Amino acid sequence: VCERERDHVCVCVCVIVWVLMYPLFLAGLYCALSFDEGETFAVRRTITDDFSIKGHSQQGFDGKNFTMSYNQGEPDGYMAATVSSDGMIHLITSRNHYAFNLAWLNTTASPPHE
């Protein structure tokens, strides 16, 4: 899913199995930003509302639970994204709705907590 904003920022929404992004492993749903029409995606951020190490159990599209934490997002499912007139990026998955803005996406995530 790639949604372009008026200022030519490309926001891509992806689901990954595991990737090493030093110094963290990321799993599941993440968004990536491109400021050069999709040539590179230097900014990547896990889509999660739980920034703890342990995380919490969340139901996925298939009814199975997954752990949502600082480095784990929703593992799979269908998705669509759009940018509303107020600048919020709305991401709808098969079971969940996420909303965030470009400033949040472009900010480095805080270190995980206990």
N, C-alpha and C. Protein backbone atom coordinates (compact mmCIF):
# COMPACT_ATOMS: atom_id res chain seq x y z
N VAL A 1 0.86 -1.16 0.00
CA VAL A 1 0.00 0.00 0.00
C VAL A 1 0.90 1.21 0.00
N CYS A 2 0.70 2.12 -0.92
CA CYS A 2 1.52 3.33 -0.96
C CYS A 2 0.59 4.51 -1.16
N GLU A 3 0.65 5.48 -0.27
CA GLU A 3 -0.22 6.64 -0.31
C GLU A 3 0.68 7.87 -0.43
N ARG A 4 0.47 8.67 -1.47
CA ARG A 4 1.28 9.87 -1.66
C ARG A 4 0.55 11.09 -1.11
N GLU A 5 1.28 11.91 -0.42
CA GLU A 5 0.71 13.15 0.11
C GLU A 5 1.02 14.29 -0.85
N ARG A 6 0.45 15.44 -0.58
CA ARG A 6 0.64 16.60 -1.44
C ARG A 6 2.09 17.02 -1.57
N ASP A 7 2.90 16.81 -0.54
CA ASP A 7 4.30 17.25 -0.59
C ASP A 7 5.23 16.14 -1.08
N HIS A 8 4.70 15.18 -1.82
CA HIS A 8 5.49 14.13 -2.46
C HIS A 8 6.20 13.21 -1.49
N VAL A 9 5.60 12.99 -0.34
CA VAL A 9 6.13 12.00 0.60
C VAL A 9 5.37 10.71 0.34
N CYS A 10 6.08 9.64 0.17
CA CYS A 10 5.46 8.35 -0.07
C CYS A 10 5.48 7.57 1.23
N VAL A 11 4.32 7.12 1.67
CA VAL A 11 4.20 6.31 2.87
C VAL A 11 3.83 4.91 2.43
N CYS A 12 4.70 3.95 2.69
CA CYS A 12 4.40 2.56 2.33
C CYS A 12 4.12 1.78 3.59
N VAL A 13 3.10 0.96 3.53
CA VAL A 13 2.70 0.10 4.63
C VAL A 13 3.05 -1.32 4.23
N CYS A 14 3.79 -2.00 5.07
CA CYS A 14 4.28 -3.34 4.73
C CYS A 14 4.10 -4.28 5.91
N VAL A 15 4.05 -5.54 5.62
CA VAL A 15 4.08 -6.58 6.64
C VAL A 15 5.34 -7.39 6.39
N ILE A 16 6.11 -7.59 7.43
CA ILE A 16 7.35 -8.34 7.31
C ILE A 16 7.33 -9.50 8.29
N VAL A 17 8.09 -10.52 7.98
CA VAL A 17 8.18 -11.64 8.90
C VAL A 17 9.21 -11.31 9.98
N TRP A 18 10.42 -11.08 9.63
CA TRP A 18 11.47 -10.62 10.56
C TRP A 18 12.48 -9.84 9.74
N VAL A 19 12.96 -8.76 10.26
CA VAL A 19 14.04 -8.03 9.61
C VAL A 19 14.94 -7.48 10.71
N LEU A 20 16.21 -7.49 10.47
CA LEU A 20 17.15 -6.89 11.42
C LEU A 20 17.36 -5.45 11.02
N MET A 21 16.91 -4.56 11.87
CA MET A 21 17.17 -3.13 11.68
C MET A 21 17.95 -2.70 12.90
N TYR A 22 19.24 -2.70 12.77
CA TYR A 22 20.11 -2.45 13.90
C TYR A 22 19.61 -1.26 14.70
N PRO A 23 19.49 -1.35 16.02
CA PRO A 23 19.83 -2.49 16.84
C PRO A 23 18.65 -3.40 17.18
N LEU A 24 17.53 -3.27 16.49
CA LEU A 24 16.32 -4.01 16.86
C LEU A 24 15.87 -4.97 15.77
N PHE A 25 15.29 -6.09 16.18
CA PHE A 25 14.55 -6.94 15.26
C PHE A 25 13.13 -6.41 15.20
N LEU A 26 12.55 -6.36 14.02
CA LEU A 26 11.17 -5.94 13.86
C LEU A 26 10.39 -7.09 13.25
N ALA A 27 9.15 -7.22 13.64
CA ALA A 27 8.28 -8.25 13.07
C ALA A 27 6.90 -7.66 12.85
N GLY A 28 6.27 -8.06 11.77
CA GLY A 28 4.90 -7.67 11.52
C GLY A 28 4.77 -6.36 10.77
N LEU A 29 3.69 -5.66 11.06
CA LEU A 29 3.29 -4.47 10.34
C LEU A 29 4.19 -3.28 10.64
N TYR A 30 4.64 -2.62 9.59
CA TYR A 30 5.41 -1.39 9.78
C TYR A 30 5.11 -0.44 8.63
N CYS A 31 5.44 0.83 8.81
CA CYS A 31 5.33 1.83 7.75
C CYS A 31 6.72 2.33 7.43
N ALA A 32 6.91 2.69 6.19
CA ALA A 32 8.18 3.25 5.74
C ALA A 32 7.91 4.54 4.99
N LEU A 33 8.83 5.50 5.12
CA LEU A 33 8.71 6.79 4.45
C LEU A 33 9.76 6.95 3.37
N SER A 34 9.35 7.52 2.26
CA SER A 34 10.28 7.87 1.20
C SER A 34 10.09 9.35 0.87
N PHE A 35 11.20 10.03 0.76
CA PHE A 35 11.16 11.45 0.40
C PHE A 35 11.70 11.65 -1.02
N ASP A 36 11.89 10.55 -1.75
CA ASP A 36 12.43 10.64 -3.12
C ASP A 36 11.61 9.78 -4.09
N GLU A 37 10.30 9.90 -3.99
CA GLU A 37 9.37 9.21 -4.90
C GLU A 37 9.52 7.69 -4.88
N GLY A 38 9.86 7.12 -3.73
CA GLY A 38 9.92 5.68 -3.59
C GLY A 38 11.24 5.03 -3.96
N GLU A 39 12.26 5.83 -4.22
CA GLU A 39 13.58 5.27 -4.54
C GLU A 39 14.20 4.62 -3.30
N THR A 40 14.10 5.28 -2.16
CA THR A 40 14.64 4.75 -0.90
C THR A 40 13.61 4.96 0.20
N PHE A 41 13.70 4.16 1.24
CA PHE A 41 12.81 4.26 2.39
C PHE A 41 13.67 4.24 3.65
N ALA A 42 14.19 5.41 4.00
CA ALA A 42 15.14 5.52 5.12
C ALA A 42 14.45 5.46 6.48
N VAL A 43 13.19 5.85 6.56
CA VAL A 43 12.47 5.88 7.83
C VAL A 43 11.51 4.70 7.87
N ARG A 44 11.64 3.87 8.91
CA ARG A 44 10.74 2.73 9.10
C ARG A 44 10.32 2.68 10.56
N ARG A 45 9.06 2.37 10.78
CA ARG A 45 8.57 2.33 12.15
C ARG A 45 7.51 1.24 12.30
N THR A 46 7.65 0.43 13.34
CA THR A 46 6.65 -0.59 13.65
C THR A 46 5.34 0.10 14.03
N ILE A 47 4.24 -0.42 13.52
CA ILE A 47 2.93 0.13 13.88
C ILE A 47 2.45 -0.66 15.09
N THR A 48 2.54 -0.03 16.23
CA THR A 48 2.18 -0.66 17.50
C THR A 48 1.71 0.41 18.47
N ASP A 49 0.89 0.02 19.43
CA ASP A 49 0.50 0.94 20.49
C ASP A 49 1.05 0.50 21.83
N ASP A 50 1.96 -0.47 21.79
CA ASP A 50 2.56 -1.00 23.02
C ASP A 50 4.08 -0.93 22.90
N PHE A 51 4.69 -0.07 23.67
CA PHE A 51 6.13 0.15 23.57
C PHE A 51 6.89 -0.57 24.69
N SER A 52 6.28 -1.63 25.21
CA SER A 52 6.93 -2.40 26.25
C SER A 52 7.70 -3.57 25.62
N ILE A 53 8.64 -4.11 26.38
CA ILE A 53 9.39 -5.27 25.93
C ILE A 53 8.50 -6.50 25.90
N LYS A 54 7.71 -6.68 26.95
CA LYS A 54 6.85 -7.86 27.07
C LYS A 54 5.70 -7.84 26.06
N GLY A 55 5.08 -6.69 25.86
CA GLY A 55 3.95 -6.57 24.95
C GLY A 55 2.66 -7.09 25.54
N HIS A 56 1.65 -7.16 24.70
CA HIS A 56 0.35 -7.69 25.12
C HIS A 56 -0.25 -8.51 23.97
N SER A 57 -1.20 -9.35 24.32
CA SER A 57 -1.85 -10.20 23.34
C SER A 57 -2.93 -9.40 22.62
N GLN A 58 -2.95 -9.53 21.29
CA GLN A 58 -3.91 -8.82 20.45
C GLN A 58 -4.43 -9.81 19.41
N GLN A 59 -5.70 -9.71 19.07
CA GLN A 59 -6.26 -10.63 18.09
C GLN A 59 -5.99 -10.16 16.67
N GLY A 60 -5.54 -11.06 15.83
CA GLY A 60 -5.28 -10.76 14.43
C GLY A 60 -6.47 -11.08 13.56
N PHE A 61 -6.31 -10.91 12.25
CA PHE A 61 -7.44 -11.09 11.33
C PHE A 61 -7.98 -12.51 11.30
N ASP A 62 -7.12 -13.48 11.58
CA ASP A 62 -7.53 -14.87 11.54
C ASP A 62 -8.09 -15.38 12.87
N GLY A 63 -8.25 -14.47 13.82
CA GLY A 63 -8.77 -14.83 15.13
C GLY A 63 -7.71 -15.33 16.08
N LYS A 64 -6.50 -15.51 15.59
CA LYS A 64 -5.40 -15.96 16.45
C LYS A 64 -4.75 -14.76 17.10
N ASN A 65 -4.25 -14.96 18.30
CA ASN A 65 -3.58 -13.89 19.02
C ASN A 65 -2.13 -13.77 18.59
N PHE A 66 -1.63 -12.56 18.61
CA PHE A 66 -0.22 -12.29 18.38
C PHE A 66 0.23 -11.33 19.47
N THR A 67 1.52 -11.20 19.68
CA THR A 67 2.04 -10.28 20.68
C THR A 67 2.37 -8.96 20.01
N MET A 68 1.77 -7.87 20.51
CA MET A 68 2.08 -6.53 20.04
C MET A 68 3.01 -5.91 21.07
N SER A 69 4.17 -5.46 20.63
CA SER A 69 5.16 -4.87 21.54
C SER A 69 5.93 -3.81 20.79
N TYR A 70 7.01 -3.32 21.39
CA TYR A 70 7.80 -2.25 20.78
C TYR A 70 8.36 -2.64 19.42
N ASN A 71 8.59 -3.93 19.18
CA ASN A 71 9.17 -4.34 17.91
C ASN A 71 8.33 -5.38 17.16
N GLN A 72 7.08 -5.58 17.58
CA GLN A 72 6.20 -6.53 16.91
C GLN A 72 4.84 -5.90 16.64
N GLY A 73 4.43 -5.97 15.40
CA GLY A 73 3.12 -5.49 15.01
C GLY A 73 2.27 -6.63 14.49
N GLU A 74 1.14 -6.30 13.95
CA GLU A 74 0.22 -7.29 13.40
C GLU A 74 0.95 -8.14 12.34
N PRO A 75 0.85 -9.47 12.41
CA PRO A 75 1.69 -10.31 11.56
C PRO A 75 1.22 -10.49 10.12
N ASP A 76 -0.07 -10.36 9.84
CA ASP A 76 -0.53 -10.58 8.48
C ASP A 76 -1.96 -10.08 8.32
N GLY A 77 -2.46 -10.14 7.12
CA GLY A 77 -3.82 -9.71 6.85
C GLY A 77 -3.87 -8.74 5.68
N TYR A 78 -5.06 -8.39 5.29
CA TYR A 78 -5.26 -7.41 4.22
C TYR A 78 -5.19 -6.02 4.83
N MET A 79 -4.81 -5.03 4.03
CA MET A 79 -4.73 -3.68 4.57
C MET A 79 -4.98 -2.64 3.49
N ALA A 80 -5.38 -1.48 3.95
CA ALA A 80 -5.55 -0.31 3.09
C ALA A 80 -5.16 0.90 3.91
N ALA A 81 -4.64 1.91 3.25
CA ALA A 81 -4.23 3.13 3.94
C ALA A 81 -4.67 4.34 3.14
N THR A 82 -4.94 5.42 3.85
CA THR A 82 -5.27 6.68 3.21
C THR A 82 -4.83 7.81 4.13
N VAL A 83 -4.73 8.99 3.58
CA VAL A 83 -4.40 10.19 4.35
C VAL A 83 -5.63 11.08 4.34
N SER A 84 -6.15 11.41 5.52
CA SER A 84 -7.35 12.24 5.61
C SER A 84 -6.97 13.72 5.47
N SER A 85 -7.96 14.56 5.33
CA SER A 85 -7.73 15.99 5.11
C SER A 85 -7.01 16.66 6.27
N ASP A 86 -7.07 16.07 7.47
CA ASP A 86 -6.36 16.65 8.62
C ASP A 86 -4.92 16.13 8.74
N GLY A 87 -4.47 15.36 7.74
CA GLY A 87 -3.10 14.87 7.74
C GLY A 87 -2.88 13.56 8.46
N MET A 88 -3.93 12.98 9.01
CA MET A 88 -3.80 11.69 9.70
C MET A 88 -3.72 10.57 8.67
N ILE A 89 -2.83 9.63 8.93
CA ILE A 89 -2.72 8.44 8.10
C ILE A 89 -3.57 7.38 8.78
N HIS A 90 -4.55 6.88 8.06
CA HIS A 90 -5.44 5.85 8.59
C HIS A 90 -5.09 4.53 7.91
N LEU A 91 -4.77 3.56 8.73
CA LEU A 91 -4.40 2.24 8.25
C LEU A 91 -5.45 1.25 8.78
N ILE A 92 -6.13 0.61 7.86
CA ILE A 92 -7.15 -0.37 8.21
C ILE A 92 -6.61 -1.74 7.82
N THR A 93 -6.58 -2.65 8.78
CA THR A 93 -6.19 -4.02 8.48
C THR A 93 -7.45 -4.88 8.54
N SER A 94 -7.29 -6.15 8.37
CA SER A 94 -8.45 -7.04 8.38
C SER A 94 -9.22 -6.98 9.69
N ARG A 95 -8.56 -6.59 10.79
CA ARG A 95 -9.23 -6.57 12.08
C ARG A 95 -9.05 -5.26 12.85
N ASN A 96 -8.03 -4.49 12.57
CA ASN A 96 -7.70 -3.34 13.40
C ASN A 96 -7.61 -2.05 12.60
N HIS A 97 -7.74 -0.92 13.31
CA HIS A 97 -7.60 0.41 12.72
C HIS A 97 -6.50 1.14 13.47
N TYR A 98 -5.57 1.72 12.72
CA TYR A 98 -4.48 2.50 13.30
C TYR A 98 -4.55 3.90 12.69
N ALA A 99 -4.26 4.91 13.48
CA ALA A 99 -4.23 6.29 12.98
C ALA A 99 -3.02 6.99 13.57
N PHE A 100 -2.26 7.66 12.73
CA PHE A 100 -1.07 8.37 13.17
C PHE A 100 -0.77 9.44 12.11
N ASN A 101 0.10 10.37 12.45
CA ASN A 101 0.43 11.41 11.48
C ASN A 101 1.87 11.26 11.00
N LEU A 102 2.22 12.03 10.02
CA LEU A 102 3.55 11.97 9.43
C LEU A 102 4.62 12.33 10.45
N ALA A 103 4.34 13.27 11.33
CA ALA A 103 5.31 13.65 12.36
C ALA A 103 5.64 12.47 13.26
N TRP A 104 4.62 11.71 13.68
CA TRP A 104 4.86 10.54 14.52
C TRP A 104 5.68 9.50 13.77
N LEU A 105 5.31 9.27 12.52
CA LEU A 105 6.01 8.28 11.71
C LEU A 105 7.46 8.65 11.48
N ASN A 106 7.74 9.93 11.39
CA ASN A 106 9.08 10.43 11.10
C ASN A 106 9.91 10.62 12.37
N THR A 107 9.36 10.31 13.54
CA THR A 107 10.06 10.44 14.80
C THR A 107 10.61 9.09 15.23
N THR A 108 11.82 9.07 15.73
CA THR A 108 12.41 7.84 16.22
C THR A 108 11.61 7.34 17.42
N ALA A 109 11.31 6.06 17.40
CA ALA A 109 10.56 5.46 18.52
C ALA A 109 11.36 5.54 19.81
N SER A 110 10.66 5.73 20.90
CA SER A 110 11.31 5.74 22.22
C SER A 110 11.86 4.36 22.51
N PRO A 111 12.88 4.27 23.38
CA PRO A 111 13.37 2.96 23.77
C PRO A 111 12.28 2.17 24.46
N PRO A 112 12.28 0.85 24.33
CA PRO A 112 11.25 0.05 24.99
C PRO A 112 11.35 0.14 26.50
N HIS A 113 10.23 -0.07 27.16
CA HIS A 113 10.20 -0.07 28.62
C HIS A 113 9.71 -1.41 29.12
N GLU A 114 9.89 -1.64 30.41
CA GLU A 114 9.47 -2.93 31.00
C GLU A 114 8.00 -3.09 31.01
